[in-house]
Amino acid sequence: MGVEYYPLDVAVKDGNVVLQCTQNNLEKLIKDDTLVIPGIITEIEEGTFNGINVKKIVIPGSVKTIGKNAFSNNTVLEEIEIQDGVKTIGANAFHGCSNLWKVTMTDSVITLRCGCF
């Protein structure tokens, strides 16, 4: 069993490993119409994946904050899996995701900003 290594474009900001939306990242993170955020990421910045169209998004518990408009305007998104550990979902984070019908998350989420879904 091998370890998968993804050379990703990230930034370190105030001690957080922040995923940046680049073509390089998209090619490595989207498989079978699913966007899986790597477990090293601790923050998804404002607007990072705005308008990216995938059917499913998996956000690991290493991510503490999902920024404002992070995944908004994804018109084909159907399902979101937010794993235990995520604490904040920013305003309009998933706004405009008109086909979204299933959201799975735990009670680790303590802040839901206005219009997040």
Protein backbone atom coordinates (compact mmCIF):
# COMPACT_ATOMS: atom_id res chain seq x y z
CA MET A 1 0.00 0.00 0.00
CA GLY A 2 1.60 3.29 -1.12
CA VAL A 3 1.25 6.84 0.00
CA GLU A 4 -0.28 9.26 -2.49
CA TYR A 5 1.65 12.50 -2.82
CA TYR A 6 0.07 15.58 -4.36
CA PRO A 7 2.32 18.56 -5.04
CA LEU A 8 -0.23 21.25 -4.25
CA ASP A 9 -0.26 25.03 -4.35
CA VAL A 10 -0.78 26.08 -0.74
CA ALA A 11 0.07 29.06 1.42
CA VAL A 12 0.76 29.32 5.13
CA LYS A 13 -1.20 32.18 6.69
CA ASP A 14 -1.28 32.81 10.42
CA GLY A 15 -0.22 29.21 11.03
CA ASN A 16 -2.92 27.74 8.76
CA VAL A 17 -2.23 25.71 5.64
CA VAL A 18 -4.49 27.39 3.10
CA LEU A 19 -5.46 25.69 -0.16
CA GLN A 20 -5.31 27.90 -3.23
CA CYS A 21 -7.44 27.38 -6.30
CA THR A 22 -5.09 26.75 -9.18
CA GLN A 23 -5.34 24.57 -12.26
CA ASN A 24 -2.62 22.35 -10.76
CA ASN A 25 -4.71 21.74 -7.63
CA LEU A 26 -7.91 21.10 -9.54
CA GLU A 27 -6.29 18.47 -11.76
CA LYS A 28 -4.98 16.63 -8.70
CA LEU A 29 -7.98 16.93 -6.37
CA ILE A 30 -10.93 16.14 -8.65
CA LYS A 31 -11.52 12.48 -9.49
CA ASP A 32 -14.75 10.94 -10.74
CA ASP A 33 -16.59 14.26 -10.33
CA THR A 34 -15.61 14.43 -6.63
CA LEU A 35 -13.42 17.11 -5.04
CA VAL A 36 -11.53 15.70 -2.05
CA ILE A 37 -9.68 18.26 0.06
CA PRO A 38 -6.38 16.82 1.41
CA GLY A 39 -5.98 16.25 5.15
CA ILE A 40 -3.11 18.75 5.44
CA ILE A 41 -5.38 21.72 4.69
CA THR A 42 -6.66 23.71 7.69
CA GLU A 43 -8.50 26.54 5.92
CA ILE A 44 -10.36 27.04 2.66
CA GLU A 45 -10.21 30.73 1.80
CA GLU A 46 -12.97 33.00 0.56
CA GLY A 47 -14.01 32.17 -3.01
CA THR A 48 -11.43 29.40 -3.46
CA PHE A 49 -13.68 27.07 -5.47
CA ASN A 50 -16.41 29.52 -6.50
CA GLY A 51 -17.98 28.26 -9.73
CA ILE A 52 -16.10 24.93 -9.83
CA ASN A 53 -18.59 22.26 -10.91
CA VAL A 54 -18.30 18.85 -9.24
CA LYS A 55 -21.04 16.52 -7.97
CA LYS A 56 -19.53 15.80 -4.54
CA ILE A 57 -17.19 17.58 -2.12
CA VAL A 58 -15.40 15.89 0.79
CA ILE A 59 -13.95 18.21 3.44
CA PRO A 60 -11.73 16.56 6.10
CA GLY A 61 -11.74 17.42 9.79
CA SER A 62 -8.32 19.05 9.44
CA VAL A 63 -10.14 22.00 7.84
CA LYS A 64 -11.31 24.29 10.63
CA THR A 65 -12.75 27.11 8.51
CA ILE A 66 -14.61 27.12 5.20
CA GLY A 67 -14.47 30.70 3.94
CA LYS A 68 -17.15 32.96 2.53
CA ASN A 69 -18.29 31.90 -0.99
CA ALA A 70 -15.71 29.06 -0.91
CA PHE A 71 -17.82 26.68 -3.02
CA SER A 72 -20.64 28.95 -4.21
CA ASN A 73 -22.27 28.76 -7.63
CA ASN A 74 -21.55 25.08 -8.20
CA THR A 75 -24.65 24.26 -10.21
CA VAL A 76 -24.05 20.48 -10.39
CA LEU A 77 -23.13 19.87 -6.73
CA GLU A 78 -25.38 17.22 -5.19
CA GLU A 79 -23.58 16.11 -2.03
CA ILE A 80 -21.24 17.53 0.62
CA GLU A 81 -19.47 15.52 3.29
CA ILE A 82 -18.08 17.72 6.08
CA GLN A 83 -16.08 15.53 8.44
CA ASP A 84 -15.71 15.89 12.21
CA GLY A 85 -13.43 18.79 13.16
CA VAL A 86 -14.71 21.54 10.86
CA LYS A 87 -15.81 24.44 13.08
CA THR A 88 -16.95 27.33 10.85
CA ILE A 89 -18.82 27.55 7.56
CA GLY A 90 -18.65 31.06 6.12
CA ALA A 91 -21.41 33.19 4.67
CA ASN A 92 -22.69 31.96 1.31
CA ALA A 93 -20.09 29.16 1.32
CA PHE A 94 -22.40 26.92 -0.74
CA HIS A 95 -24.80 29.60 -2.02
CA GLY A 96 -26.10 29.03 -5.54
CA CYS A 97 -25.56 25.25 -5.41
CA SER A 98 -29.00 24.63 -6.88
CA ASN A 99 -28.79 20.81 -7.13
CA LEU A 100 -27.52 20.23 -3.59
CA TRP A 101 -29.70 17.69 -1.81
CA LYS A 102 -27.45 15.96 0.74
CA VAL A 103 -25.20 17.52 3.41
CA THR A 104 -23.51 15.34 6.01
CA MET A 105 -21.78 17.06 8.94
CA THR A 106 -21.21 16.58 12.65
CA ASP A 107 -21.83 18.76 15.67
CA SER A 108 -18.21 19.98 15.52
CA VAL A 109 -19.58 22.76 13.30
CA ILE A 110 -20.36 25.54 15.78
CA THR A 111 -20.69 28.53 13.45
CA LEU A 112 -22.91 28.66 10.38
CA ARG A 113 -22.77 32.11 8.77
CA CYS A 114 -25.69 33.72 6.97
CA GLY A 115 -26.80 31.95 3.78
CA CYS A 116 -24.09 29.28 3.98
CA PHE A 117 -26.32 26.76 2.16
